[in-house]
Amino acid sequence: MSTLKAIAVSITTLTIAPAAVAQAQQFGQPIAPADIAAWDISIGPDGAGLPPGRGTAIEGEAIYVAKCQACHGEKGISPSVALAGALAGGMGTLAPGKTPIKTVGSFWPYATTLFDYIRRAMPFQESKSLTADEVYAVSAYILNLNGIIGSNDVIDAQSLPKVKMPNRDGFIPFPRNPK
């Protein structure tokens, strides 16, 4: 009798288990395209995906003072928060025998990366809170602090990808899809 009972339990388990596993794999709900769009904001070196808007260094200075200076310091050179890091200066420090100071001007290869990072992560306490015009203006201000653009130069979706960063050629290309 116990053998029949064991066989019945085994058959029941083998019959019900696949159905239970199939049900268990249905976690959550499908994500809506609008929910994805809020986070699908990456900007690559070519500037694809840059939003409409514009800004100059002169416009960006007031925004920087109000929303960035507390962490990154006056004119981006003396951060009050160690993890914030300097944004300006460091030119020529990537040379052999020198202590590298990695700032936007001395290290970053693409100006579009600056826009992308500011838009998604700054200000630290209120990430994604700046308008596109504010991000363009703050980007222009930081580029101007590094002597890369003029204070009246307009930065927008067309001009930002054309900004030639001083260290653009300082990186070894890494093929993402090697053949």
N, C-alpha and C. Protein backbone atom coordinates (compact mmCIF):
# COMPACT_ATOMS: atom_id res chain seq x y z
N MET A 1 0.81 -1.19 0.00
CA MET A 1 0.00 0.00 0.00
C MET A 1 0.85 1.25 0.00
N SER A 2 1.94 1.26 0.75
CA SER A 2 2.79 2.43 0.80
C SER A 2 3.49 2.65 -0.53
N THR A 3 3.75 1.59 -1.29
CA THR A 3 4.37 1.74 -2.59
C THR A 3 3.41 2.43 -3.56
N LEU A 4 2.15 2.05 -3.51
CA LEU A 4 1.15 2.70 -4.36
C LEU A 4 0.99 4.18 -3.99
N LYS A 5 1.05 4.44 -2.70
CA LYS A 5 0.93 5.82 -2.24
C LYS A 5 2.12 6.65 -2.73
N ALA A 6 3.33 6.10 -2.68
CA ALA A 6 4.53 6.79 -3.14
C ALA A 6 4.47 7.05 -4.65
N ILE A 7 3.94 6.05 -5.39
CA ILE A 7 3.80 6.22 -6.84
C ILE A 7 2.78 7.32 -7.14
N ALA A 8 1.69 7.35 -6.42
CA ALA A 8 0.66 8.36 -6.64
C ALA A 8 1.19 9.76 -6.34
N VAL A 9 1.96 9.89 -5.28
CA VAL A 9 2.55 11.20 -4.93
C VAL A 9 3.54 11.61 -6.01
N SER A 10 4.34 10.69 -6.49
CA SER A 10 5.32 11.00 -7.54
C SER A 10 4.64 11.44 -8.82
N ILE A 11 3.59 10.74 -9.23
CA ILE A 11 2.86 11.10 -10.46
C ILE A 11 2.21 12.46 -10.30
N THR A 12 1.63 12.71 -9.16
CA THR A 12 1.00 14.01 -8.90
C THR A 12 2.04 15.12 -8.95
N THR A 13 3.19 14.90 -8.32
CA THR A 13 4.25 15.90 -8.30
C THR A 13 4.76 16.18 -9.71
N LEU A 14 4.97 15.13 -10.49
CA LEU A 14 5.46 15.30 -11.85
C LEU A 14 4.44 15.98 -12.75
N THR A 15 3.17 15.83 -12.45
CA THR A 15 2.12 16.44 -13.24
C THR A 15 1.92 17.91 -12.87
N ILE A 16 1.97 18.23 -11.60
CA ILE A 16 1.68 19.58 -11.12
C ILE A 16 2.91 20.48 -11.17
N ALA A 17 4.09 19.94 -10.94
CA ALA A 17 5.31 20.76 -10.86
C ALA A 17 5.56 21.62 -12.10
N PRO A 18 5.48 21.07 -13.31
CA PRO A 18 5.73 21.94 -14.48
C PRO A 18 4.75 23.11 -14.57
N ALA A 19 3.51 22.87 -14.25
CA ALA A 19 2.52 23.96 -14.27
C ALA A 19 2.86 25.01 -13.21
N ALA A 20 3.30 24.58 -12.04
CA ALA A 20 3.66 25.52 -10.97
C ALA A 20 4.87 26.35 -11.36
N VAL A 21 5.86 25.71 -12.00
CA VAL A 21 7.06 26.42 -12.42
C VAL A 21 6.69 27.45 -13.49
N ALA A 22 5.85 27.08 -14.43
CA ALA A 22 5.44 28.00 -15.48
C ALA A 22 4.73 29.21 -14.88
N GLN A 23 3.91 29.00 -13.87
CA GLN A 23 3.21 30.10 -13.20
C GLN A 23 4.18 30.97 -12.43
N ALA A 24 5.19 30.38 -11.80
CA ALA A 24 6.11 31.12 -10.95
C ALA A 24 6.99 32.08 -11.75
N GLN A 25 7.17 31.84 -13.05
CA GLN A 25 8.05 32.68 -13.84
C GLN A 25 7.39 33.97 -14.32
N GLN A 26 6.16 34.19 -13.97
CA GLN A 26 5.45 35.39 -14.40
C GLN A 26 5.50 36.44 -13.30
N PHE A 27 6.69 37.04 -13.10
CA PHE A 27 6.87 38.05 -12.07
C PHE A 27 6.50 39.41 -12.61
N GLY A 28 5.92 40.25 -11.79
CA GLY A 28 5.68 41.64 -12.16
C GLY A 28 4.72 41.80 -13.30
N GLN A 29 4.90 42.88 -14.03
CA GLN A 29 4.06 43.18 -15.18
C GLN A 29 4.93 43.79 -16.26
N PRO A 30 4.47 43.77 -17.48
CA PRO A 30 5.27 44.37 -18.56
C PRO A 30 5.48 45.87 -18.31
N ILE A 31 6.66 46.36 -18.65
CA ILE A 31 6.96 47.78 -18.45
C ILE A 31 6.42 48.57 -19.64
N ALA A 32 5.84 49.69 -19.33
CA ALA A 32 5.25 50.54 -20.37
C ALA A 32 6.35 51.33 -21.07
N PRO A 33 6.22 51.58 -22.36
CA PRO A 33 7.22 52.38 -23.09
C PRO A 33 7.47 53.74 -22.45
N ALA A 34 6.46 54.36 -21.88
CA ALA A 34 6.64 55.67 -21.24
C ALA A 34 7.55 55.56 -20.02
N ASP A 35 7.47 54.44 -19.31
CA ASP A 35 8.34 54.23 -18.15
C ASP A 35 9.79 54.04 -18.58
N ILE A 36 10.00 53.37 -19.68
CA ILE A 36 11.35 53.17 -20.21
C ILE A 36 11.92 54.49 -20.71
N ALA A 37 11.10 55.28 -21.39
CA ALA A 37 11.55 56.54 -21.99
C ALA A 37 12.15 57.49 -20.95
N ALA A 38 11.62 57.49 -19.74
CA ALA A 38 12.14 58.38 -18.69
C ALA A 38 13.58 58.05 -18.33
N TRP A 39 14.01 56.82 -18.54
CA TRP A 39 15.37 56.41 -18.19
C TRP A 39 16.25 56.16 -19.42
N ASP A 40 15.66 56.13 -20.59
CA ASP A 40 16.41 55.90 -21.82
C ASP A 40 16.91 57.24 -22.36
N ILE A 41 17.88 57.82 -21.65
CA ILE A 41 18.34 59.17 -21.97
C ILE A 41 19.84 59.22 -22.25
N SER A 42 20.43 58.11 -22.57
CA SER A 42 21.87 58.08 -22.83
C SER A 42 22.23 58.89 -24.07
N ILE A 43 23.35 59.61 -23.96
CA ILE A 43 23.87 60.39 -25.06
C ILE A 43 25.28 59.88 -25.35
N GLY A 44 25.51 59.46 -26.57
CA GLY A 44 26.83 58.96 -26.96
C GLY A 44 27.73 60.07 -27.48
N PRO A 45 28.94 59.74 -27.85
CA PRO A 45 29.90 60.73 -28.35
C PRO A 45 29.40 61.50 -29.58
N ASP A 46 28.57 60.86 -30.40
CA ASP A 46 28.09 61.52 -31.62
C ASP A 46 26.94 62.49 -31.36
N GLY A 47 26.43 62.52 -30.14
CA GLY A 47 25.35 63.44 -29.78
C GLY A 47 23.96 62.94 -30.11
N ALA A 48 23.84 61.73 -30.64
CA ALA A 48 22.52 61.19 -30.94
C ALA A 48 21.67 61.18 -29.67
N GLY A 49 20.48 61.72 -29.77
CA GLY A 49 19.57 61.75 -28.62
C GLY A 49 19.62 63.03 -27.82
N LEU A 50 20.49 63.97 -28.18
CA LEU A 50 20.50 65.24 -27.45
C LEU A 50 19.16 65.93 -27.64
N PRO A 51 18.60 66.48 -26.57
CA PRO A 51 17.29 67.12 -26.66
C PRO A 51 17.39 68.54 -27.21
N PRO A 52 16.28 69.12 -27.64
CA PRO A 52 16.27 70.52 -28.02
C PRO A 52 16.62 71.38 -26.81
N GLY A 53 17.23 72.51 -27.06
CA GLY A 53 17.60 73.42 -25.99
C GLY A 53 18.90 74.11 -26.36
N ARG A 54 19.33 75.03 -25.49
CA ARG A 54 20.57 75.77 -25.74
C ARG A 54 21.02 76.42 -24.45
N GLY A 55 22.28 76.81 -24.43
CA GLY A 55 22.80 77.52 -23.27
C GLY A 55 24.18 78.08 -23.55
N THR A 56 24.56 79.09 -22.78
CA THR A 56 25.89 79.68 -22.87
C THR A 56 26.54 79.63 -21.50
N ALA A 57 27.84 79.85 -21.46
CA ALA A 57 28.57 79.87 -20.19
C ALA A 57 28.06 80.99 -19.30
N ILE A 58 27.73 82.13 -19.89
CA ILE A 58 27.23 83.26 -19.09
C ILE A 58 25.93 82.86 -18.39
N GLU A 59 25.03 82.17 -19.10
CA GLU A 59 23.79 81.70 -18.49
C GLU A 59 24.06 80.61 -17.47
N GLY A 60 25.04 79.77 -17.74
CA GLY A 60 25.34 78.64 -16.87
C GLY A 60 25.98 79.01 -15.55
N GLU A 61 26.65 80.15 -15.50
CA GLU A 61 27.33 80.54 -14.26
C GLU A 61 26.35 80.67 -13.10
N ALA A 62 25.22 81.33 -13.30
CA ALA A 62 24.25 81.51 -12.22
C ALA A 62 23.68 80.16 -11.77
N ILE A 63 23.42 79.28 -12.71
CA ILE A 63 22.91 77.94 -12.36
C ILE A 63 23.96 77.17 -11.59
N TYR A 64 25.22 77.25 -12.04
CA TYR A 64 26.32 76.57 -11.36
C TYR A 64 26.44 77.06 -9.92
N VAL A 65 26.42 78.38 -9.72
CA VAL A 65 26.56 78.94 -8.37
C VAL A 65 25.42 78.44 -7.48
N ALA A 66 24.21 78.40 -8.01
CA ALA A 66 23.05 78.00 -7.21
C ALA A 66 22.97 76.50 -6.95
N LYS A 67 23.39 75.68 -7.91
CA LYS A 67 23.12 74.24 -7.80
C LYS A 67 24.34 73.34 -7.79
N CYS A 68 25.54 73.88 -8.09
CA CYS A 68 26.72 73.02 -8.23
C CYS A 68 27.88 73.42 -7.31
N GLN A 69 27.99 74.70 -7.06
CA GLN A 69 29.16 75.23 -6.36
C GLN A 69 29.31 74.68 -4.95
N ALA A 70 28.23 74.37 -4.27
CA ALA A 70 28.32 73.88 -2.90
C ALA A 70 29.18 72.61 -2.82
N CYS A 71 29.11 71.77 -3.83
CA CYS A 71 29.92 70.54 -3.83
C CYS A 71 31.21 70.69 -4.62
N HIS A 72 31.13 71.31 -5.79
CA HIS A 72 32.29 71.36 -6.71
C HIS A 72 33.19 72.57 -6.50
N GLY A 73 32.78 73.49 -5.66
CA GLY A 73 33.62 74.64 -5.33
C GLY A 73 33.51 75.76 -6.34
N GLU A 74 34.04 76.93 -5.93
CA GLU A 74 34.01 78.10 -6.79
C GLU A 74 34.81 77.83 -8.06
N LYS A 75 34.19 78.06 -9.18
CA LYS A 75 34.80 77.87 -10.51
C LYS A 75 35.30 76.44 -10.73
N GLY A 76 34.75 75.48 -9.98
CA GLY A 76 35.03 74.07 -10.22
C GLY A 76 36.42 73.59 -9.86
N ILE A 77 37.17 74.39 -9.07
CA ILE A 77 38.55 73.98 -8.80
C ILE A 77 38.83 73.58 -7.36
N SER A 78 37.91 73.84 -6.46
CA SER A 78 38.18 73.47 -5.06
C SER A 78 36.93 72.85 -4.44
N PRO A 79 36.69 71.57 -4.78
CA PRO A 79 35.49 70.92 -4.27
C PRO A 79 35.46 70.84 -2.75
N SER A 80 34.28 71.09 -2.18
CA SER A 80 34.14 70.98 -0.73
C SER A 80 33.76 69.56 -0.33
N VAL A 81 33.35 68.76 -1.26
CA VAL A 81 33.01 67.36 -1.02
C VAL A 81 34.04 66.52 -1.78
N ALA A 82 34.78 65.70 -1.07
CA ALA A 82 35.88 64.96 -1.68
C ALA A 82 35.44 64.13 -2.89
N LEU A 83 34.28 63.51 -2.82
CA LEU A 83 33.83 62.67 -3.92
C LEU A 83 33.38 63.48 -5.13
N ALA A 84 33.11 64.77 -4.94
CA ALA A 84 32.64 65.60 -6.05
C ALA A 84 33.73 65.79 -7.09
N GLY A 85 34.92 66.02 -6.69
CA GLY A 85 36.03 66.19 -7.62
C GLY A 85 36.04 67.55 -8.29
N ALA A 86 37.22 67.96 -8.69
CA ALA A 86 37.37 69.22 -9.41
C ALA A 86 36.84 69.04 -10.83
N LEU A 87 36.29 70.10 -11.38
CA LEU A 87 35.77 70.07 -12.74
C LEU A 87 36.67 70.79 -13.72
N ALA A 88 37.50 71.68 -13.22
CA ALA A 88 38.35 72.50 -14.09
C ALA A 88 39.80 72.39 -13.64
N GLY A 89 40.69 72.70 -14.58
CA GLY A 89 42.12 72.65 -14.28
C GLY A 89 42.71 71.31 -14.68
N GLY A 90 43.91 71.07 -14.21
CA GLY A 90 44.57 69.79 -14.46
C GLY A 90 45.20 69.63 -15.83
N MET A 91 45.17 70.67 -16.64
CA MET A 91 45.74 70.56 -17.99
C MET A 91 47.23 70.22 -17.90
N GLY A 92 47.66 69.26 -18.69
CA GLY A 92 49.05 68.87 -18.74
C GLY A 92 49.47 67.89 -17.65
N THR A 93 48.55 67.49 -16.77
CA THR A 93 48.94 66.61 -15.66
C THR A 93 48.85 65.13 -16.03
N LEU A 94 48.40 64.81 -17.22
CA LEU A 94 48.33 63.40 -17.61
C LEU A 94 49.63 62.91 -18.22
N ALA A 95 50.64 63.75 -18.21
CA ALA A 95 51.95 63.42 -18.77
C ALA A 95 52.73 62.50 -17.82
N PRO A 96 53.65 61.70 -18.37
CA PRO A 96 54.46 60.81 -17.53
C PRO A 96 55.23 61.61 -16.47
N GLY A 97 55.30 61.04 -15.28
CA GLY A 97 56.04 61.67 -14.19
C GLY A 97 55.26 62.73 -13.44
N LYS A 98 54.01 62.94 -13.81
CA LYS A 98 53.18 63.93 -13.12
C LYS A 98 52.02 63.23 -12.42
N THR A 99 51.52 63.86 -11.39
CA THR A 99 50.33 63.34 -10.71
C THR A 99 49.12 63.79 -11.51
N PRO A 100 48.37 62.84 -12.07
CA PRO A 100 47.24 63.24 -12.91
C PRO A 100 46.12 63.86 -12.10
N ILE A 101 45.61 64.95 -12.61
CA ILE A 101 44.42 65.59 -12.05
C ILE A 101 43.35 65.45 -13.13
N LYS A 102 42.43 64.52 -12.91
CA LYS A 102 41.43 64.19 -13.93
C LYS A 102 40.21 65.09 -13.76
N THR A 103 40.10 66.06 -14.64
CA THR A 103 38.95 66.96 -14.65
C THR A 103 38.26 66.84 -16.01
N VAL A 104 37.15 67.57 -16.15
CA VAL A 104 36.45 67.58 -17.43
C VAL A 104 37.40 68.05 -18.53
N GLY A 105 38.17 69.07 -18.26
CA GLY A 105 39.05 69.64 -19.28
C GLY A 105 40.30 68.83 -19.55
N SER A 106 40.84 68.17 -18.54
CA SER A 106 42.10 67.46 -18.74
C SER A 106 41.92 66.00 -19.13
N PHE A 107 40.77 65.41 -18.83
CA PHE A 107 40.64 63.96 -18.99
C PHE A 107 39.50 63.52 -19.90
N TRP A 108 38.35 64.13 -19.77
CA TRP A 108 37.16 63.64 -20.49
C TRP A 108 37.35 63.74 -22.00
N PRO A 109 36.99 62.69 -22.74
CA PRO A 109 37.21 62.71 -24.19
C PRO A 109 36.11 63.38 -25.01
N TYR A 110 34.88 63.44 -24.49
CA TYR A 110 33.76 63.97 -25.27
C TYR A 110 32.91 64.94 -24.44
N ALA A 111 32.57 66.06 -25.03
CA ALA A 111 31.71 67.03 -24.36
C ALA A 111 30.30 66.49 -24.16
N THR A 112 29.86 65.59 -25.03
CA THR A 112 28.52 65.02 -24.90
C THR A 112 28.41 64.17 -23.62
N THR A 113 29.52 63.60 -23.18
CA THR A 113 29.52 62.83 -21.94
C THR A 113 29.23 63.75 -20.75
N LEU A 114 29.76 64.96 -20.79
CA LEU A 114 29.48 65.94 -19.74
C LEU A 114 27.99 66.22 -19.67
N PHE A 115 27.37 66.51 -20.81
CA PHE A 115 25.93 66.76 -20.85
C PHE A 115 25.17 65.57 -20.28
N ASP A 116 25.50 64.37 -20.75
CA ASP A 116 24.82 63.15 -20.33
C ASP A 116 24.90 62.97 -18.81
N TYR A 117 26.10 63.16 -18.26
CA TYR A 117 26.28 62.95 -16.83
C TYR A 117 25.52 64.00 -16.00
N ILE A 118 25.62 65.25 -16.39
CA ILE A 118 24.91 66.30 -15.66
C ILE A 118 23.41 66.04 -15.71
N ARG A 119 22.89 65.70 -16.88
CA ARG A 119 21.45 65.51 -17.03
C ARG A 119 20.93 64.37 -16.17
N ARG A 120 21.66 63.27 -16.09
CA ARG A 120 21.13 62.11 -15.38
C ARG A 120 21.48 62.09 -13.88
N ALA A 121 22.55 62.80 -13.47
CA ALA A 121 23.02 62.60 -12.10
C ALA A 121 23.19 63.86 -11.25
N MET A 122 23.01 65.03 -11.84
CA MET A 122 23.26 66.25 -11.09
C MET A 122 22.02 67.13 -11.04
N PRO A 123 21.90 67.99 -10.02
CA PRO A 123 22.69 68.00 -8.80
C PRO A 123 22.45 66.72 -8.00
N PHE A 124 23.44 66.36 -7.21
CA PHE A 124 23.44 65.07 -6.52
C PHE A 124 22.13 64.82 -5.76
N GLN A 125 21.64 65.82 -5.06
CA GLN A 125 20.43 65.63 -4.23
C GLN A 125 19.15 65.66 -5.06
N GLU A 126 19.23 66.12 -6.30
CA GLU A 126 18.03 66.25 -7.14
C GLU A 126 18.31 65.81 -8.57
N SER A 127 18.84 64.61 -8.74
CA SER A 127 19.21 64.18 -10.09
C SER A 127 18.01 64.24 -11.03
N LYS A 128 18.30 64.53 -12.30
CA LYS A 128 17.31 64.65 -13.36
C LYS A 128 16.34 65.82 -13.15
N SER A 129 16.74 66.81 -12.36
CA SER A 129 15.83 67.94 -12.08
C SER A 129 16.09 69.15 -12.97
N LEU A 130 17.21 69.19 -13.66
CA LEU A 130 17.53 70.34 -14.50
C LEU A 130 16.83 70.25 -15.86
N THR A 131 16.42 71.39 -16.39
CA THR A 131 15.85 71.42 -17.73
C THR A 131 16.98 71.23 -18.76
N ALA A 132 16.61 70.94 -19.99
CA ALA A 132 17.62 70.79 -21.04
C ALA A 132 18.41 72.09 -21.21
N ASP A 133 17.74 73.24 -21.17
CA ASP A 133 18.45 74.52 -21.28
C ASP A 133 19.44 74.71 -20.14
N GLU A 134 19.07 74.32 -18.93
CA GLU A 134 19.98 74.44 -17.79
C GLU A 134 21.18 73.51 -17.95
N VAL A 135 20.96 72.30 -18.44
CA VAL A 135 22.07 71.36 -18.63
C VAL A 135 23.02 71.88 -19.71
N TYR A 136 22.47 72.39 -20.80
CA TYR A 136 23.33 72.98 -21.84
C TYR A 136 24.13 74.15 -21.26
N ALA A 137 23.48 75.00 -20.47
CA ALA A 137 24.16 76.17 -19.91
C ALA A 137 25.26 75.77 -18.92
N VAL A 138 24.98 74.85 -18.03
CA VAL A 138 25.99 74.40 -17.07
C VAL A 138 27.14 73.69 -17.79
N SER A 139 26.82 72.91 -18.80
CA SER A 139 27.87 72.26 -19.61
C SER A 139 28.75 73.32 -20.25
N ALA A 140 28.12 74.36 -20.81
CA ALA A 140 28.88 75.44 -21.44
C ALA A 140 29.77 76.14 -20.41
N TYR A 141 29.25 76.36 -19.22
CA TYR A 141 30.03 77.03 -18.18
C TYR A 141 31.27 76.20 -17.80
N ILE A 142 31.09 74.91 -17.63
CA ILE A 142 32.22 74.04 -17.27
C ILE A 142 33.23 73.96 -18.41
N LEU A 143 32.75 73.87 -19.63
CA LEU A 143 33.66 73.88 -20.78
C LEU A 143 34.41 75.20 -20.86
N ASN A 144 33.74 76.30 -20.55
CA ASN A 144 34.38 77.61 -20.55
C ASN A 144 35.42 77.74 -19.45
N LEU A 145 35.13 77.20 -18.27
CA LEU A 145 36.10 77.22 -17.16
C LEU A 145 37.40 76.53 -17.57
N ASN A 146 37.30 75.57 -18.44
CA ASN A 146 38.47 74.83 -18.91
C ASN A 146 39.09 75.43 -20.17
N GLY A 147 38.57 76.56 -20.61
CA GLY A 147 39.13 77.23 -21.78
C GLY A 147 38.83 76.54 -23.09
N ILE A 148 37.80 75.71 -23.13
CA ILE A 148 37.48 74.94 -24.32
C ILE A 148 36.55 75.70 -25.25
N ILE A 149 35.63 76.48 -24.69
CA ILE A 149 34.74 77.32 -25.49
C ILE A 149 34.72 78.73 -24.91
N GLY A 150 34.20 79.67 -25.66
CA GLY A 150 34.09 81.05 -25.20
C GLY A 150 32.85 81.25 -24.34
N SER A 151 32.81 82.34 -23.60
CA SER A 151 31.69 82.59 -22.69
C SER A 151 30.38 82.88 -23.42
N ASN A 152 30.44 83.33 -24.66
CA ASN A 152 29.22 83.61 -25.42
C ASN A 152 28.88 82.52 -26.43
N ASP A 153 29.70 81.47 -26.52
CA ASP A 153 29.42 80.39 -27.46
C ASP A 153 28.14 79.67 -27.05
N VAL A 154 27.27 79.44 -28.02
CA VAL A 154 26.02 78.74 -27.77
C VAL A 154 26.26 77.24 -27.89
N ILE A 155 25.83 76.52 -26.87
CA ILE A 155 25.93 75.06 -26.88
C ILE A 155 24.52 74.51 -27.05
N ASP A 156 24.35 73.65 -28.03
CA ASP A 156 23.06 73.01 -28.29
C ASP A 156 23.32 71.64 -28.92
N ALA A 157 22.26 71.00 -29.40
CA ALA A 157 22.40 69.64 -29.94
C ALA A 157 23.30 69.58 -31.16
N GLN A 158 23.43 70.69 -31.90
CA GLN A 158 24.29 70.68 -33.08
C GLN A 158 25.74 71.02 -32.74
N SER A 159 25.95 71.95 -31.82
CA SER A 159 27.32 72.39 -31.53
C SER A 159 28.05 71.53 -30.50
N LEU A 160 27.34 70.95 -29.55
CA LEU A 160 28.00 70.18 -28.49
C LEU A 160 28.83 69.01 -29.03
N PRO A 161 28.31 68.19 -29.95
CA PRO A 161 29.14 67.08 -30.45
C PRO A 161 30.38 67.54 -31.22
N LYS A 162 30.38 68.77 -31.67
CA LYS A 162 31.52 69.29 -32.44
C LYS A 162 32.63 69.85 -31.55
N VAL A 163 32.37 69.96 -30.24
CA VAL A 163 33.40 70.47 -29.33
C VAL A 163 34.53 69.45 -29.25
N LYS A 164 35.74 69.90 -29.52
CA LYS A 164 36.92 69.02 -29.49
C LYS A 164 37.55 69.11 -28.11
N MET A 165 37.45 68.06 -27.35
CA MET A 165 38.02 68.02 -26.00
C MET A 165 39.53 67.80 -26.10
N PRO A 166 40.30 68.42 -25.20
CA PRO A 166 41.76 68.32 -25.26
C PRO A 166 42.31 66.89 -25.19
N ASN A 167 41.61 65.99 -24.50
CA ASN A 167 42.11 64.63 -24.35
C ASN A 167 41.35 63.62 -25.22
N ARG A 168 40.69 64.08 -26.24
CA ARG A 168 39.90 63.17 -27.08
C ARG A 168 40.74 62.03 -27.64
N ASP A 169 41.97 62.31 -28.01
CA ASP A 169 42.82 61.27 -28.59
C ASP A 169 43.67 60.54 -27.54
N GLY A 170 43.39 60.76 -26.26
CA GLY A 170 44.16 60.15 -25.19
C GLY A 170 43.66 58.78 -24.76
N PHE A 171 42.70 58.22 -25.50
CA PHE A 171 42.13 56.93 -25.14
C PHE A 171 42.37 55.94 -26.27
N ILE A 172 42.50 54.68 -25.91
CA ILE A 172 42.66 53.61 -26.89
C ILE A 172 41.25 53.11 -27.22
N PRO A 173 40.87 53.13 -28.49
CA PRO A 173 39.52 52.66 -28.85
C PRO A 173 39.33 51.20 -28.46
N PHE A 174 38.16 50.92 -27.94
CA PHE A 174 37.80 49.57 -27.55
C PHE A 174 36.62 49.11 -28.40
N PRO A 175 36.84 48.16 -29.31
CA PRO A 175 35.72 47.72 -30.16
C PRO A 175 34.70 46.95 -29.33
N ARG A 176 33.49 47.42 -29.32
CA ARG A 176 32.45 46.76 -28.52
C ARG A 176 31.97 45.45 -29.14
N ASN A 177 32.05 45.36 -30.46
CA ASN A 177 31.60 44.16 -31.14
C ASN A 177 32.72 43.61 -32.02
N PRO A 178 33.77 43.07 -31.42
CA PRO A 178 34.88 42.56 -32.25
C PRO A 178 34.39 41.40 -33.11
N LYS A 179 34.93 41.34 -34.30
CA LYS A 179 34.53 40.28 -35.25
C LYS A 179 35.50 39.13 -35.21
